[in-house]
Amino acid sequence: MIDRALSNMFKVVTEEAVANPAFGKKMEDVLAKFGQELVEKRMAERNIDGFLPLVEFKKNPAEFEARIAKFDAKELRALVDKHHLDPSNALKGKGTKKVLAAHILEAARKRAERDAKLFEY
């Protein structure tokens, strides 16, 4: 049922894009922008692949801040999303490099402290 509904919807959109050049151009622009954003997001994810904030923080807390400073804002946003460092959505889309780096540093510090308390007997 959903396949048929989607097929009909895309048929209507395609027909409208053919009949209305302004609509077709706008669809092209939106899809191109979406494609570019997706490419940038995938590149950021590749650049942070293998970087685990908690592990890196535990290795050397002093160097951790310098390491995250090397990432750009999109890579820092990908780190936050990938490692669920903002479960309450406190950042609310704030994408400045400084804010993201401070948030990642604080989240890693809190998780390290929490983990250390778990093994106190």
PDB file of N, CA and C in Angstrom:
ATOM      1  N   MET A   1       0.825  -1.191   0.000  1.00  0.00           N
ATOM      2  CA  MET A   1       0.000   0.000   0.000  1.00  0.00           C
ATOM      3  C   MET A   1       0.871   1.258   0.000  1.00  0.00           C
ATOM      4  N   ILE A   2       1.902   1.277   0.858  1.00  0.00           N
ATOM      5  CA  ILE A   2       2.764   2.454   0.927  1.00  0.00           C
ATOM      6  C   ILE A   2       3.556   2.627  -0.363  1.00  0.00           C
ATOM      7  N   ASP A   3       3.937   1.515  -0.995  1.00  0.00           N
ATOM      8  CA  ASP A   3       4.668   1.593  -2.265  1.00  0.00           C
ATOM      9  C   ASP A   3       3.830   2.313  -3.325  1.00  0.00           C
ATOM     10  N   ARG A   4       2.584   1.970  -3.373  1.00  0.00           N
ATOM     11  CA  ARG A   4       1.684   2.564  -4.363  1.00  0.00           C
ATOM     12  C   ARG A   4       1.474   4.051  -4.077  1.00  0.00           C
ATOM     13  N   ALA A   5       1.308   4.386  -2.807  1.00  0.00           N
ATOM     14  CA  ALA A   5       1.099   5.789  -2.435  1.00  0.00           C
ATOM     15  C   ALA A   5       2.340   6.619  -2.763  1.00  0.00           C
ATOM     16  N   LEU A   6       3.513   6.092  -2.454  1.00  0.00           N
ATOM     17  CA  LEU A   6       4.748   6.806  -2.767  1.00  0.00           C
ATOM     18  C   LEU A   6       4.947   6.943  -4.274  1.00  0.00           C
ATOM     19  N   SER A   7       4.643   5.900  -5.003  1.00  0.00           N
ATOM     20  CA  SER A   7       4.771   5.937  -6.455  1.00  0.00           C
ATOM     21  C   SER A   7       3.873   7.020  -7.043  1.00  0.00           C
ATOM     22  N   ASN A   8       2.641   7.088  -6.577  1.00  0.00           N
ATOM     23  CA  ASN A   8       1.708   8.111  -7.050  1.00  0.00           C
ATOM     24  C   ASN A   8       2.171   9.516  -6.671  1.00  0.00           C
ATOM     25  N   MET A   9       2.697   9.666  -5.473  1.00  0.00           N
ATOM     26  CA  MET A   9       3.173  10.968  -5.023  1.00  0.00           C
ATOM     27  C   MET A   9       4.339  11.437  -5.900  1.00  0.00           C
ATOM     28  N   PHE A  10       5.303  10.556  -6.156  1.00  0.00           N
ATOM     29  CA  PHE A  10       6.441  10.932  -6.982  1.00  0.00           C
ATOM     30  C   PHE A  10       6.018  11.219  -8.424  1.00  0.00           C
ATOM     31  N   LYS A  11       5.001  10.535  -8.872  1.00  0.00           N
ATOM     32  CA  LYS A  11       4.482  10.782 -10.211  1.00  0.00           C
ATOM     33  C   LYS A  11       3.909  12.193 -10.291  1.00  0.00           C
ATOM     34  N   VAL A  12       3.155  12.599  -9.279  1.00  0.00           N
ATOM     35  CA  VAL A  12       2.572  13.944  -9.248  1.00  0.00           C
ATOM     36  C   VAL A  12       3.680  14.994  -9.177  1.00  0.00           C
ATOM     37  N   VAL A  13       4.692  14.761  -8.342  1.00  0.00           N
ATOM     38  CA  VAL A  13       5.802  15.713  -8.209  1.00  0.00           C
ATOM     39  C   VAL A  13       6.552  15.823  -9.537  1.00  0.00           C
ATOM     40  N   THR A  14       6.808  14.705 -10.177  1.00  0.00           N
ATOM     41  CA  THR A  14       7.509  14.702 -11.468  1.00  0.00           C
ATOM     42  C   THR A  14       6.699  15.454 -12.525  1.00  0.00           C
ATOM     43  N   GLU A  15       5.423  15.201 -12.581  1.00  0.00           N
ATOM     44  CA  GLU A  15       4.569  15.892 -13.549  1.00  0.00           C
ATOM     45  C   GLU A  15       4.551  17.398 -13.293  1.00  0.00           C
ATOM     46  N   GLU A  16       4.489  17.786 -12.033  1.00  0.00           N
ATOM     47  CA  GLU A  16       4.488  19.210 -11.692  1.00  0.00           C
ATOM     48  C   GLU A  16       5.819  19.863 -12.061  1.00  0.00           C
ATOM     49  N   ALA A  17       6.928  19.152 -11.836  1.00  0.00           N
ATOM     50  CA  ALA A  17       8.245  19.683 -12.189  1.00  0.00           C
ATOM     51  C   ALA A  17       8.369  19.894 -13.693  1.00  0.00           C
ATOM     52  N   VAL A  18       7.772  19.014 -14.477  1.00  0.00           N
ATOM     53  CA  VAL A  18       7.796  19.154 -15.937  1.00  0.00           C
ATOM     54  C   VAL A  18       6.901  20.318 -16.366  1.00  0.00           C
ATOM     55  N   ALA A  19       5.725  20.427 -15.775  1.00  0.00           N
ATOM     56  CA  ALA A  19       4.758  21.449 -16.171  1.00  0.00           C
ATOM     57  C   ALA A  19       5.142  22.842 -15.672  1.00  0.00           C
ATOM     58  N   ASN A  20       5.844  22.922 -14.561  1.00  0.00           N
ATOM     59  CA  ASN A  20       6.172  24.205 -13.948  1.00  0.00           C
ATOM     60  C   ASN A  20       7.694  24.317 -13.824  1.00  0.00           C
ATOM     61  N   PRO A  21       8.356  25.004 -14.738  1.00  0.00           N
ATOM     62  CA  PRO A  21       9.819  25.096 -14.706  1.00  0.00           C
ATOM     63  C   PRO A  21      10.375  25.713 -13.421  1.00  0.00           C
ATOM     64  N   ALA A  22       9.666  26.667 -12.826  1.00  0.00           N
ATOM     65  CA  ALA A  22      10.134  27.279 -11.574  1.00  0.00           C
ATOM     66  C   ALA A  22      10.160  26.239 -10.453  1.00  0.00           C
ATOM     67  N   PHE A  23       9.110  25.414 -10.392  1.00  0.00           N
ATOM     68  CA  PHE A  23       9.053  24.348  -9.393  1.00  0.00           C
ATOM     69  C   PHE A  23      10.177  23.337  -9.637  1.00  0.00           C
ATOM     70  N   GLY A  24      10.389  22.977 -10.915  1.00  0.00           N
ATOM     71  CA  GLY A  24      11.449  22.030 -11.248  1.00  0.00           C
ATOM     72  C   GLY A  24      12.816  22.548 -10.847  1.00  0.00           C
ATOM     73  N   LYS A  25      13.055  23.839 -11.095  1.00  0.00           N
ATOM     74  CA  LYS A  25      14.342  24.449 -10.725  1.00  0.00           C
ATOM     75  C   LYS A  25      14.524  24.458  -9.212  1.00  0.00           C
ATOM     76  N   LYS A  26      13.442  24.781  -8.504  1.00  0.00           N
ATOM     77  CA  LYS A  26      13.525  24.805  -7.041  1.00  0.00           C
ATOM     78  C   LYS A  26      13.801  23.398  -6.496  1.00  0.00           C
ATOM     79  N   MET A  27      13.164  22.387  -7.053  1.00  0.00           N
ATOM     80  CA  MET A  27      13.416  20.996  -6.641  1.00  0.00           C
ATOM     81  C   MET A  27      14.869  20.618  -6.909  1.00  0.00           C
ATOM     82  N   GLU A  28      15.381  21.012  -8.057  1.00  0.00           N
ATOM     83  CA  GLU A  28      16.779  20.748  -8.399  1.00  0.00           C
ATOM     84  C   GLU A  28      17.718  21.367  -7.378  1.00  0.00           C
ATOM     85  N   ASP A  29      17.458  22.633  -7.038  1.00  0.00           N
ATOM     86  CA  ASP A  29      18.307  23.341  -6.083  1.00  0.00           C
ATOM     87  C   ASP A  29      18.278  22.689  -4.706  1.00  0.00           C
ATOM     88  N   VAL A  30      17.081  22.320  -4.265  1.00  0.00           N
ATOM     89  CA  VAL A  30      16.945  21.682  -2.949  1.00  0.00           C
ATOM     90  C   VAL A  30      17.657  20.338  -2.915  1.00  0.00           C
ATOM     91  N   LEU A  31      17.489  19.550  -3.955  1.00  0.00           N
ATOM     92  CA  LEU A  31      18.133  18.243  -4.007  1.00  0.00           C
ATOM     93  C   LEU A  31      19.652  18.373  -4.109  1.00  0.00           C
ATOM     94  N   ALA A  32      20.138  19.368  -4.843  1.00  0.00           N
ATOM     95  CA  ALA A  32      21.581  19.589  -4.949  1.00  0.00           C
ATOM     96  C   ALA A  32      22.161  19.997  -3.596  1.00  0.00           C
ATOM     97  N   LYS A  33      21.443  20.872  -2.897  1.00  0.00           N
ATOM     98  CA  LYS A  33      21.903  21.309  -1.569  1.00  0.00           C
ATOM     99  C   LYS A  33      21.910  20.132  -0.601  1.00  0.00           C
ATOM    100  N   PHE A  34      20.858  19.321  -0.640  1.00  0.00           N
ATOM    101  CA  PHE A  34      20.788  18.140   0.217  1.00  0.00           C
ATOM    102  C   PHE A  34      21.950  17.196  -0.081  1.00  0.00           C
ATOM    103  N   GLY A  35      22.232  16.984  -1.357  1.00  0.00           N
ATOM    104  CA  GLY A  35      23.331  16.111  -1.749  1.00  0.00           C
ATOM    105  C   GLY A  35      24.674  16.630  -1.259  1.00  0.00           C
ATOM    106  N   GLN A  36      24.900  17.936  -1.372  1.00  0.00           N
ATOM    107  CA  GLN A  36      26.159  18.531  -0.916  1.00  0.00           C
ATOM    108  C   GLN A  36      26.302  18.401   0.597  1.00  0.00           C
ATOM    109  N   GLU A  37      25.224  18.657   1.330  1.00  0.00           N
ATOM    110  CA  GLU A  37      25.263  18.532   2.788  1.00  0.00           C
ATOM    111  C   GLU A  37      25.534  17.090   3.203  1.00  0.00           C
ATOM    112  N   LEU A  38      24.951  16.151   2.474  1.00  0.00           N
ATOM    113  CA  LEU A  38      25.178  14.741   2.782  1.00  0.00           C
ATOM    114  C   LEU A  38      26.633  14.357   2.544  1.00  0.00           C
ATOM    115  N   VAL A  39      27.214  14.836   1.458  1.00  0.00           N
ATOM    116  CA  VAL A  39      28.623  14.564   1.158  1.00  0.00           C
ATOM    117  C   VAL A  39      29.513  15.137   2.258  1.00  0.00           C
ATOM    118  N   GLU A  40      29.239  16.374   2.677  1.00  0.00           N
ATOM    119  CA  GLU A  40      30.034  16.999   3.737  1.00  0.00           C
ATOM    120  C   GLU A  40      29.897  16.240   5.051  1.00  0.00           C
ATOM    121  N   LYS A  41      28.696  15.777   5.348  1.00  0.00           N
ATOM    122  CA  LYS A  41      28.476  15.019   6.587  1.00  0.00           C
ATOM    123  C   LYS A  41      29.244  13.699   6.554  1.00  0.00           C
ATOM    124  N   ARG A  42      29.200  13.013   5.425  1.00  0.00           N
ATOM    125  CA  ARG A  42      29.926  11.738   5.289  1.00  0.00           C
ATOM    126  C   ARG A  42      31.430  11.942   5.402  1.00  0.00           C
ATOM    127  N   MET A  43      31.953  13.035   4.835  1.00  0.00           N
ATOM    128  CA  MET A  43      33.387  13.333   4.933  1.00  0.00           C
ATOM    129  C   MET A  43      33.773  13.598   6.390  1.00  0.00           C
ATOM    130  N   ALA A  44      32.939  14.326   7.114  1.00  0.00           N
ATOM    131  CA  ALA A  44      33.210  14.597   8.523  1.00  0.00           C
ATOM    132  C   ALA A  44      33.199  13.295   9.325  1.00  0.00           C
ATOM    133  N   GLU A  45      32.248  12.409   9.020  1.00  0.00           N
ATOM    134  CA  GLU A  45      32.187  11.123   9.716  1.00  0.00           C
ATOM    135  C   GLU A  45      33.433  10.286   9.440  1.00  0.00           C
ATOM    136  N   ARG A  46      33.933  10.335   8.202  1.00  0.00           N
ATOM    137  CA  ARG A  46      35.159   9.595   7.876  1.00  0.00           C
ATOM    138  C   ARG A  46      36.359  10.160   8.620  1.00  0.00           C
ATOM    139  N   ASN A  47      36.410  11.482   8.777  1.00  0.00           N
ATOM    140  CA  ASN A  47      37.544  12.117   9.441  1.00  0.00           C
ATOM    141  C   ASN A  47      37.597  11.820  10.936  1.00  0.00           C
ATOM    142  N   ILE A  48      36.454  11.533  11.539  1.00  0.00           N
ATOM    143  CA  ILE A  48      36.436  11.237  12.977  1.00  0.00           C
ATOM    144  C   ILE A  48      36.395   9.746  13.265  1.00  0.00           C
ATOM    145  N   ASP A  49      36.370   8.949  12.214  1.00  0.00           N
ATOM    146  CA  ASP A  49      36.288   7.505  12.383  1.00  0.00           C
ATOM    147  C   ASP A  49      37.448   7.006  13.239  1.00  0.00           C
ATOM    148  N   GLY A  50      37.133   6.266  14.269  1.00  0.00           N
ATOM    149  CA  GLY A  50      38.154   5.718  15.149  1.00  0.00           C
ATOM    150  C   GLY A  50      38.503   6.621  16.320  1.00  0.00           C
ATOM    151  N   PHE A  51      37.971   7.831  16.350  1.00  0.00           N
ATOM    152  CA  PHE A  51      38.235   8.744  17.468  1.00  0.00           C
ATOM    153  C   PHE A  51      37.148   8.543  18.510  1.00  0.00           C
ATOM    154  N   LEU A  52      37.528   8.009  19.647  1.00  0.00           N
ATOM    155  CA  LEU A  52      36.590   7.758  20.740  1.00  0.00           C
ATOM    156  C   LEU A  52      36.877   8.752  21.863  1.00  0.00           C
ATOM    157  N   PRO A  53      35.992   9.729  22.074  1.00  0.00           N
ATOM    158  CA  PRO A  53      36.273  10.797  23.035  1.00  0.00           C
ATOM    159  C   PRO A  53      36.619  10.305  24.439  1.00  0.00           C
ATOM    160  N   LEU A  54      35.883   9.351  24.959  1.00  0.00           N
ATOM    161  CA  LEU A  54      36.154   8.879  26.314  1.00  0.00           C
ATOM    162  C   LEU A  54      37.516   8.197  26.405  1.00  0.00           C
ATOM    163  N   VAL A  55      37.834   7.371  25.434  1.00  0.00           N
ATOM    164  CA  VAL A  55      39.115   6.672  25.430  1.00  0.00           C
ATOM    165  C   VAL A  55      40.258   7.668  25.294  1.00  0.00           C
ATOM    166  N   GLU A  56      40.127   8.613  24.392  1.00  0.00           N
ATOM    167  CA  GLU A  56      41.170   9.619  24.177  1.00  0.00           C
ATOM    168  C   GLU A  56      41.341  10.495  25.420  1.00  0.00           C
ATOM    169  N   PHE A  57      40.236  10.826  26.086  1.00  0.00           N
ATOM    170  CA  PHE A  57      40.317  11.640  27.295  1.00  0.00           C
ATOM    171  C   PHE A  57      41.048  10.881  28.403  1.00  0.00           C
ATOM    172  N   LYS A  58      40.747   9.596  28.543  1.00  0.00           N
ATOM    173  CA  LYS A  58      41.390   8.797  29.589  1.00  0.00           C
ATOM    174  C   LYS A  58      42.880   8.606  29.326  1.00  0.00           C
ATOM    175  N   LYS A  59      43.275   8.530  28.053  1.00  0.00           N
ATOM    176  CA  LYS A  59      44.691   8.369  27.726  1.00  0.00           C
ATOM    177  C   LYS A  59      45.504   9.552  28.232  1.00  0.00           C
ATOM    178  N   ASN A  60      45.051  10.752  27.867  1.00  0.00           N
ATOM    179  CA  ASN A  60      45.784  11.951  28.259  1.00  0.00           C
ATOM    180  C   ASN A  60      44.833  13.149  28.230  1.00  0.00           C
ATOM    181  N   PRO A  61      44.278  13.495  29.395  1.00  0.00           N
ATOM    182  CA  PRO A  61      43.327  14.613  29.447  1.00  0.00           C
ATOM    183  C   PRO A  61      43.916  15.936  28.958  1.00  0.00           C
ATOM    184  N   ALA A  62      45.208  16.144  29.183  1.00  0.00           N
ATOM    185  CA  ALA A  62      45.827  17.403  28.772  1.00  0.00           C
ATOM    186  C   ALA A  62      45.898  17.520  27.245  1.00  0.00           C
ATOM    187  N   GLU A  63      46.170  16.434  26.575  1.00  0.00           N
ATOM    188  CA  GLU A  63      46.264  16.447  25.111  1.00  0.00           C
ATOM    189  C   GLU A  63      44.894  16.392  24.433  1.00  0.00           C
ATOM    190  N   PHE A  64      43.896  15.937  25.159  1.00  0.00           N
ATOM    191  CA  PHE A  64      42.572  15.753  24.570  1.00  0.00           C
ATOM    192  C   PHE A  64      42.025  17.049  23.971  1.00  0.00           C
ATOM    193  N   GLU A  65      42.153  18.129  24.718  1.00  0.00           N
ATOM    194  CA  GLU A  65      41.633  19.405  24.237  1.00  0.00           C
ATOM    195  C   GLU A  65      42.341  19.850  22.965  1.00  0.00           C
ATOM    196  N   ALA A  66      43.646  19.621  22.892  1.00  0.00           N
ATOM    197  CA  ALA A  66      44.390  19.978  21.686  1.00  0.00           C
ATOM    198  C   ALA A  66      43.965  19.114  20.505  1.00  0.00           C
ATOM    199  N   ARG A  67      43.663  17.852  20.758  1.00  0.00           N
ATOM    200  CA  ARG A  67      43.236  16.953  19.673  1.00  0.00           C
ATOM    201  C   ARG A  67      41.874  17.346  19.118  1.00  0.00           C
ATOM    202  N   ILE A  68      40.941  17.704  19.998  1.00  0.00           N
ATOM    203  CA  ILE A  68      39.624  18.071  19.470  1.00  0.00           C
ATOM    204  C   ILE A  68      39.654  19.453  18.816  1.00  0.00           C
ATOM    205  N   ALA A  69      40.632  20.267  19.150  1.00  0.00           N
ATOM    206  CA  ALA A  69      40.757  21.586  18.515  1.00  0.00           C
ATOM    207  C   ALA A  69      41.152  21.453  17.048  1.00  0.00           C
ATOM    208  N   LYS A  70      41.719  20.314  16.676  1.00  0.00           N
ATOM    209  CA  LYS A  70      42.127  20.093  15.285  1.00  0.00           C
ATOM    210  C   LYS A  70      40.937  19.810  14.368  1.00  0.00           C
ATOM    211  N   PHE A  71      39.809  19.399  14.933  1.00  0.00           N
ATOM    212  CA  PHE A  71      38.623  19.112  14.136  1.00  0.00           C
ATOM    213  C   PHE A  71      37.876  20.403  13.815  1.00  0.00           C
ATOM    214  N   ASP A  72      37.180  20.417  12.678  1.00  0.00           N
ATOM    215  CA  ASP A  72      36.354  21.580  12.368  1.00  0.00           C
ATOM    216  C   ASP A  72      34.957  21.381  12.970  1.00  0.00           C
ATOM    217  N   ALA A  73      34.088  22.367  12.800  1.00  0.00           N
ATOM    218  CA  ALA A  73      32.765  22.340  13.441  1.00  0.00           C
ATOM    219  C   ALA A  73      31.913  21.161  12.965  1.00  0.00           C
ATOM    220  N   LYS A  74      31.991  20.821  11.687  1.00  0.00           N
ATOM    221  CA  LYS A  74      31.182  19.704  11.174  1.00  0.00           C
ATOM    222  C   LYS A  74      31.665  18.378  11.754  1.00  0.00           C
ATOM    223  N   GLU A  75      32.968  18.243  11.920  1.00  0.00           N
ATOM    224  CA  GLU A  75      33.510  17.017  12.506  1.00  0.00           C
ATOM    225  C   GLU A  75      33.148  16.927  13.991  1.00  0.00           C
ATOM    226  N   LEU A  76      33.183  18.054  14.680  1.00  0.00           N
ATOM    227  CA  LEU A  76      32.792  18.058  16.090  1.00  0.00           C
ATOM    228  C   LEU A  76      31.308  17.724  16.238  1.00  0.00           C
ATOM    229  N   ARG A  77      30.478  18.252  15.350  1.00  0.00           N
ATOM    230  CA  ARG A  77      29.040  17.933  15.384  1.00  0.00           C
ATOM    231  C   ARG A  77      28.832  16.441  15.135  1.00  0.00           C
ATOM    232  N   ALA A  78      29.610  15.867  14.217  1.00  0.00           N
ATOM    233  CA  ALA A  78      29.518  14.433  13.943  1.00  0.00           C
ATOM    234  C   ALA A  78      29.939  13.622  15.161  1.00  0.00           C
ATOM    235  N   LEU A  79      30.955  14.090  15.895  1.00  0.00           N
ATOM    236  CA  LEU A  79      31.374  13.410  17.132  1.00  0.00           C
ATOM    237  C   LEU A  79      30.250  13.423  18.160  1.00  0.00           C
ATOM    238  N   VAL A  80      29.625  14.570  18.327  1.00  0.00           N
ATOM    239  CA  VAL A  80      28.521  14.695  19.286  1.00  0.00           C
ATOM    240  C   VAL A  80      27.395  13.743  18.914  1.00  0.00           C
ATOM    241  N   ASP A  81      27.047  13.706  17.640  1.00  0.00           N
ATOM    242  CA  ASP A  81      25.950  12.851  17.187  1.00  0.00           C
ATOM    243  C   ASP A  81      26.309  11.372  17.285  1.00  0.00           C
ATOM    244  N   LYS A  82      27.503  11.027  16.857  1.00  0.00           N
ATOM    245  CA  LYS A  82      27.904   9.616  16.822  1.00  0.00           C
ATOM    246  C   LYS A  82      28.008   9.014  18.226  1.00  0.00           C
ATOM    247  N   HIS A  83      28.518   9.783  19.174  1.00  0.00           N
ATOM    248  CA  HIS A  83      28.750   9.252  20.521  1.00  0.00           C
ATOM    249  C   HIS A  83      27.684   9.684  21.522  1.00  0.00           C
ATOM    250  N   HIS A  84      26.601  10.269  21.023  1.00  0.00           N
ATOM    251  CA  HIS A  84      25.457  10.652  21.863  1.00  0.00           C
ATOM    252  C   HIS A  84      25.904  11.515  23.049  1.00  0.00           C
ATOM    253  N   LEU A  85      26.667  12.544  22.746  1.00  0.00           N
ATOM    254  CA  LEU A  85      27.202  13.408  23.794  1.00  0.00           C
ATOM    255  C   LEU A  85      26.255  14.545  24.176  1.00  0.00           C
ATOM    256  N   ASP A  86      25.113  14.612  23.518  1.00  0.00           N
ATOM    257  CA  ASP A  86      24.129  15.649  23.835  1.00  0.00           C
ATOM    258  C   ASP A  86      22.732  15.032  23.907  1.00  0.00           C
ATOM    259  N   PRO A  87      22.501  14.124  24.873  1.00  0.00           N
ATOM    260  CA  PRO A  87      21.204  13.440  24.929  1.00  0.00           C
ATOM    261  C   PRO A  87      20.035  14.371  25.257  1.00  0.00           C
ATOM    262  N   SER A  88      20.286  15.464  25.965  1.00  0.00           N
ATOM    263  CA  SER A  88      19.206  16.374  26.328  1.00  0.00           C
ATOM    264  C   SER A  88      19.011  17.480  25.295  1.00  0.00           C
ATOM    265  N   ASN A  89      19.791  17.446  24.219  1.00  0.00           N
ATOM    266  CA  ASN A  89      19.747  18.449  23.157  1.00  0.00           C
ATOM    267  C   ASN A  89      19.982  19.854  23.703  1.00  0.00           C
ATOM    268  N   ALA A  90      20.958  19.956  24.597  1.00  0.00           N
ATOM    269  CA  ALA A  90      21.288  21.245  25.187  1.00  0.00           C
ATOM    270  C   ALA A  90      21.924  22.190  24.176  1.00  0.00           C
ATOM    271  N   LEU A  91      22.588  21.648  23.168  1.00  0.00           N
ATOM    272  CA  LEU A  91      23.232  22.497  22.159  1.00  0.00           C
ATOM    273  C   LEU A  91      22.221  23.155  21.230  1.00  0.00           C
ATOM    274  N   LYS A  92      21.114  22.489  20.980  1.00  0.00           N
ATOM    275  CA  LYS A  92      20.020  23.008  20.157  1.00  0.00           C
ATOM    276  C   LYS A  92      20.515  23.600  18.843  1.00  0.00           C
ATOM    277  N   GLY A  93      21.383  22.864  18.163  1.00  0.00           N
ATOM    278  CA  GLY A  93      21.841  23.292  16.849  1.00  0.00           C
ATOM    279  C   GLY A  93      22.970  24.295  16.855  1.00  0.00           C
ATOM    280  N   LYS A  94      23.455  24.690  18.030  1.00  0.00           N
ATOM    281  CA  LYS A  94      24.579  25.632  18.067  1.00  0.00           C
ATOM    282  C   LYS A  94      25.787  24.921  17.481  1.00  0.00           C
ATOM    283  N   GLY A  95      26.334  25.469  16.435  1.00  0.00           N
ATOM    284  CA  GLY A  95      27.375  24.754  15.725  1.00  0.00           C
ATOM    285  C   GLY A  95      28.722  25.418  15.740  1.00  0.00           C
ATOM    286  N   THR A  96      28.967  26.359  16.642  1.00  0.00           N
ATOM    287  CA  THR A  96      30.277  26.987  16.648  1.00  0.00           C
ATOM    288  C   THR A  96      31.304  26.002  17.174  1.00  0.00           C
ATOM    289  N   LYS A  97      32.468  26.086  16.623  1.00  0.00           N
ATOM    290  CA  LYS A  97      33.542  25.155  16.969  1.00  0.00           C
ATOM    291  C   LYS A  97      33.863  25.232  18.466  1.00  0.00           C
ATOM    292  N   LYS A  98      33.917  26.434  18.996  1.00  0.00           N
ATOM    293  CA  LYS A  98      34.267  26.629  20.406  1.00  0.00           C
ATOM    294  C   LYS A  98      33.238  25.971  21.339  1.00  0.00           C
ATOM    295  N   VAL A  99      31.962  26.162  21.039  1.00  0.00           N
ATOM    296  CA  VAL A  99      30.887  25.597  21.870  1.00  0.00           C
ATOM    297  C   VAL A  99      30.902  24.070  21.796  1.00  0.00           C
ATOM    298  N   LEU A 100      31.056  23.534  20.585  1.00  0.00           N
ATOM    299  CA  LEU A 100      31.071  22.084  20.414  1.00  0.00           C
ATOM    300  C   LEU A 100      32.275  21.449  21.111  1.00  0.00           C
ATOM    301  N   ALA A 101      33.444  22.055  20.967  1.00  0.00           N
ATOM    302  CA  ALA A 101      34.653  21.517  21.606  1.00  0.00           C
ATOM    303  C   ALA A 101      34.515  21.531  23.126  1.00  0.00           C
ATOM    304  N   ALA A 102      33.987  22.626  23.675  1.00  0.00           N
ATOM    305  CA  ALA A 102      33.796  22.703  25.131  1.00  0.00           C
ATOM    306  C   ALA A 102      32.794  21.655  25.600  1.00  0.00           C
ATOM    307  N   HIS A 103      31.755  21.439  24.823  1.00  0.00           N
ATOM    308  CA  HIS A 103      30.735  20.449  25.193  1.00  0.00           C
ATOM    309  C   HIS A 103      31.308  19.031  25.170  1.00  0.00           C
ATOM    310  N   ILE A 104      32.097  18.720  24.161  1.00  0.00           N
ATOM    311  CA  ILE A 104      32.717  17.390  24.067  1.00  0.00           C
ATOM    312  C   ILE A 104      33.691  17.181  25.211  1.00  0.00           C
ATOM    313  N   LEU A 105      34.480  18.197  25.515  1.00  0.00           N
ATOM    314  CA  LEU A 105      35.434  18.099  26.625  1.00  0.00           C
ATOM    315  C   LEU A 105      34.706  17.850  27.944  1.00  0.00           C
ATOM    316  N   GLU A 106      33.651  18.590  28.177  1.00  0.00           N
ATOM    317  CA  GLU A 106      32.882  18.437  29.419  1.00  0.00           C
ATOM    318  C   GLU A 106      32.205  17.065  29.494  1.00  0.00           C
ATOM    319  N   ALA A 107      31.645  16.605  28.386  1.00  0.00           N
ATOM    320  CA  ALA A 107      30.988  15.294  28.363  1.00  0.00           C
ATOM    321  C   ALA A 107      31.993  14.175  28.610  1.00  0.00           C
ATOM    322  N   ALA A 108      33.168  14.268  28.023  1.00  0.00           N
ATOM    323  CA  ALA A 108      34.195  13.242  28.231  1.00  0.00           C
ATOM    324  C   ALA A 108      34.672  13.251  29.679  1.00  0.00           C
ATOM    325  N   ARG A 109      34.839  14.448  30.248  1.00  0.00           N
ATOM    326  CA  ARG A 109      35.270  14.556  31.645  1.00  0.00           C
ATOM    327  C   ARG A 109      34.222  13.942  32.583  1.00  0.00           C
ATOM    328  N   LYS A 110      32.959  14.244  32.352  1.00  0.00           N
ATOM    329  CA  LYS A 110      31.888  13.705  33.197  1.00  0.00           C
ATOM    330  C   LYS A 110      31.796  12.187  33.089  1.00  0.00           C
ATOM    331  N   ARG A 111      31.926  11.664  31.875  1.00  0.00           N
ATOM    332  CA  ARG A 111      31.867  10.212  31.705  1.00  0.00           C
ATOM    333  C   ARG A 111      33.054   9.526  32.341  1.00  0.00           C
ATOM    334  N   ALA A 112      34.216  10.140  32.277  1.00  0.00           N
ATOM    335  CA  ALA A 112      35.404   9.561  32.912  1.00  0.00           C
ATOM    336  C   ALA A 112      35.228   9.540  34.427  1.00  0.00           C
ATOM    337  N   GLU A 113      34.696  10.616  34.999  1.00  0.00           N
ATOM    338  CA  GLU A 113      34.446  10.665  36.444  1.00  0.00           C
ATOM    339  C   GLU A 113      33.404   9.629  36.845  1.00  0.00           C
ATOM    340  N   ARG A 114      32.353   9.507  36.064  1.00  0.00           N
ATOM    341  CA  ARG A 114      31.313   8.517  36.351  1.00  0.00           C
ATOM    342  C   ARG A 114      31.875   7.100  36.302  1.00  0.00           C
ATOM    343  N   ASP A 115      32.672   6.809  35.285  1.00  0.00           N
ATOM    344  CA  ASP A 115      33.264   5.482  35.162  1.00  0.00           C
ATOM    345  C   ASP A 115      34.203   5.192  36.319  1.00  0.00           C
ATOM    346  N   ALA A 116      34.951   6.191  36.770  1.00  0.00           N
ATOM    347  CA  ALA A 116      35.869   5.988  37.884  1.00  0.00           C
ATOM    348  C   ALA A 116      35.092   5.663  39.173  1.00  0.00           C
ATOM    349  N   LYS A 117      33.943   6.295  39.357  1.00  0.00           N
ATOM    350  CA  LYS A 117      33.127   6.029  40.544  1.00  0.00           C
ATOM    351  C   LYS A 117      32.514   4.638  40.501  1.00  0.00           C
ATOM    352  N   LEU A 118      32.261   4.117  39.319  1.00  0.00           N
ATOM    353  CA  LEU A 118      31.650   2.794  39.203  1.00  0.00           C
ATOM    354  C   LEU A 118      32.535   1.706  39.772  1.00  0.00           C
ATOM    355  N   PHE A 119      33.842   1.920  39.738  1.00  0.00           N
ATOM    356  CA  PHE A 119      34.763   0.878  40.180  1.00  0.00           C
ATOM    357  C   PHE A 119      35.388   1.156  41.528  1.00  0.00           C
ATOM    358  N   GLU A 120      34.836   2.127  42.269  1.00  0.00           N
ATOM    359  CA  GLU A 120      35.285   2.348  43.637  1.00  0.00           C
ATOM    360  C   GLU A 120      34.573   1.361  44.544  1.00  0.00           C
ATOM    361  N   TYR A 121      35.359   0.640  45.333  1.00  0.00           N
ATOM    362  CA  TYR A 121      34.755  -0.363  46.234  1.00  0.00           C
ATOM    363  C   TYR A 121      34.923   0.023  47.657  1.00  0.00           C
TER     364      TYR A 121
END
